[in-house]
Amino acid sequence: MNQTATILDHLSSGKTITPIDALNEFGCFRLAARIGELRQMGHDIKTTIIHDGGSSFAQYSLQLQPEFQLTA
């Protein structure tokens, strides 16, 4: 499985991901590029900027579509 698919699988499980998570868990140095690819594929990915002391970084999450139930 390539990095983009692995990251999508991670996000699809309801988890978030940051650049350091991507590096530590998947060996991905270019998370923003992988997120860009997922967005081009049509996935709705939310970016939240986290401010931690004097540094800031992005945290990404997949906006899951609510499941619709048909009622008769």
C-alpha atoms as a PDB file:
ATOM      1  CA  MET A   1       0.000   0.000   0.000  1.00  0.00           C
ATOM      2  CA  ASN A   2       1.425   3.425  -0.904  1.00  0.00           C
ATOM      3  CA  GLN A   3       1.658   6.356   1.517  1.00  0.00           C
ATOM      4  CA  THR A   4      -1.408   8.136   0.151  1.00  0.00           C
ATOM      5  CA  ALA A   5      -3.597   5.045   0.568  1.00  0.00           C
ATOM      6  CA  THR A   6      -2.142   4.361   4.020  1.00  0.00           C
ATOM      7  CA  ILE A   7      -2.858   7.924   5.147  1.00  0.00           C
ATOM      8  CA  LEU A   8      -6.406   7.731   3.756  1.00  0.00           C
ATOM      9  CA  ASP A   9      -6.948   4.487   5.665  1.00  0.00           C
ATOM     10  CA  HIS A  10      -5.680   6.175   8.846  1.00  0.00           C
ATOM     11  CA  LEU A  11      -7.972   9.189   8.369  1.00  0.00           C
ATOM     12  CA  SER A  12     -10.940   6.995   7.409  1.00  0.00           C
ATOM     13  CA  SER A  13     -10.764   5.332  10.797  1.00  0.00           C
ATOM     14  CA  GLY A  14     -11.611   8.698  12.391  1.00  0.00           C
ATOM     15  CA  LYS A  15      -8.066   9.553  13.454  1.00  0.00           C
ATOM     16  CA  THR A  16      -6.227  12.812  12.844  1.00  0.00           C
ATOM     17  CA  ILE A  17      -2.694  13.132  11.523  1.00  0.00           C
ATOM     18  CA  THR A  18       0.088  15.685  11.887  1.00  0.00           C
ATOM     19  CA  PRO A  19       3.378  15.873  10.000  1.00  0.00           C
ATOM     20  CA  ILE A  20       5.274  14.305  12.908  1.00  0.00           C
ATOM     21  CA  ASP A  21       2.682  11.486  13.118  1.00  0.00           C
ATOM     22  CA  ALA A  22       3.084  10.834   9.386  1.00  0.00           C
ATOM     23  CA  LEU A  23       6.861  10.730   9.691  1.00  0.00           C
ATOM     24  CA  ASN A  24       6.885   8.461  12.754  1.00  0.00           C
ATOM     25  CA  GLU A  25       4.116   6.082  11.680  1.00  0.00           C
ATOM     26  CA  PHE A  26       4.475   5.954   7.888  1.00  0.00           C
ATOM     27  CA  GLY A  27       7.899   7.395   7.039  1.00  0.00           C
ATOM     28  CA  CYS A  28       6.174  10.220   5.148  1.00  0.00           C
ATOM     29  CA  PHE A  29       8.210  13.419   4.915  1.00  0.00           C
ATOM     30  CA  ARG A  30       5.694  15.253   2.690  1.00  0.00           C
ATOM     31  CA  LEU A  31       2.316  14.943   4.392  1.00  0.00           C
ATOM     32  CA  ALA A  32       0.961  18.159   2.828  1.00  0.00           C
ATOM     33  CA  ALA A  33       1.633  16.721  -0.638  1.00  0.00           C
ATOM     34  CA  ARG A  34      -0.174  13.488   0.238  1.00  0.00           C
ATOM     35  CA  ILE A  35      -3.113  15.486   1.633  1.00  0.00           C
ATOM     36  CA  GLY A  36      -3.171  17.491  -1.618  1.00  0.00           C
ATOM     37  CA  GLU A  37      -3.401  14.260  -3.594  1.00  0.00           C
ATOM     38  CA  LEU A  38      -6.296  13.060  -1.442  1.00  0.00           C
ATOM     39  CA  ARG A  39      -8.107  16.361  -1.941  1.00  0.00           C
ATOM     40  CA  GLN A  40      -7.619  16.103  -5.710  1.00  0.00           C
ATOM     41  CA  MET A  41      -9.216  12.670  -5.488  1.00  0.00           C
ATOM     42  CA  GLY A  42     -12.280  14.325  -3.940  1.00  0.00           C
ATOM     43  CA  HIS A  43     -11.780  13.624  -0.236  1.00  0.00           C
ATOM     44  CA  ASP A  44     -12.979  16.360   2.131  1.00  0.00           C
ATOM     45  CA  ILE A  45     -10.038  16.897   4.461  1.00  0.00           C
ATOM     46  CA  LYS A  46     -10.117  19.554   7.161  1.00  0.00           C
ATOM     47  CA  THR A  47      -6.973  21.400   8.243  1.00  0.00           C
ATOM     48  CA  THR A  48      -6.663  22.685  11.804  1.00  0.00           C
ATOM     49  CA  ILE A  49      -3.639  24.762  12.766  1.00  0.00           C
ATOM     50  CA  ILE A  50      -2.311  23.801  16.186  1.00  0.00           C
ATOM     51  CA  HIS A  51      -0.318  26.402  18.135  1.00  0.00           C
ATOM     52  CA  ASP A  52       2.054  24.818  20.630  1.00  0.00           C
ATOM     53  CA  GLY A  53       4.282  27.286  22.425  1.00  0.00           C
ATOM     54  CA  GLY A  54       6.266  29.102  19.767  1.00  0.00           C
ATOM     55  CA  SER A  55       5.522  26.696  16.938  1.00  0.00           C
ATOM     56  CA  SER A  56       2.520  25.899  14.773  1.00  0.00           C
ATOM     57  CA  PHE A  57       1.689  22.844  12.705  1.00  0.00           C
ATOM     58  CA  ALA A  58      -1.195  21.416  10.716  1.00  0.00           C
ATOM     59  CA  GLN A  59      -3.464  18.647  11.915  1.00  0.00           C
ATOM     60  CA  TYR A  60      -5.586  16.949   9.258  1.00  0.00           C
ATOM     61  CA  SER A  61      -8.859  15.073   9.608  1.00  0.00           C
ATOM     62  CA  LEU A  62     -11.242  13.501   7.137  1.00  0.00           C
ATOM     63  CA  GLN A  63     -14.727  14.956   7.126  1.00  0.00           C
ATOM     64  CA  LEU A  64     -16.770  11.789   7.189  1.00  0.00           C
ATOM     65  CA  GLN A  65     -20.080  11.881   5.376  1.00  0.00           C
ATOM     66  CA  PRO A  66     -23.063  11.058   7.572  1.00  0.00           C
ATOM     67  CA  GLU A  67     -24.788   7.832   6.723  1.00  0.00           C
ATOM     68  CA  PHE A  68     -28.308   8.341   5.502  1.00  0.00           C
ATOM     69  CA  GLN A  69     -31.015   5.869   6.351  1.00  0.00           C
ATOM     70  CA  LEU A  70     -33.992   5.499   4.138  1.00  0.00           C
ATOM     71  CA  THR A  71     -37.273   5.142   5.935  1.00  0.00           C
ATOM     72  CA  ALA A  72     -40.454   3.865   4.394  1.00  0.00           C
END
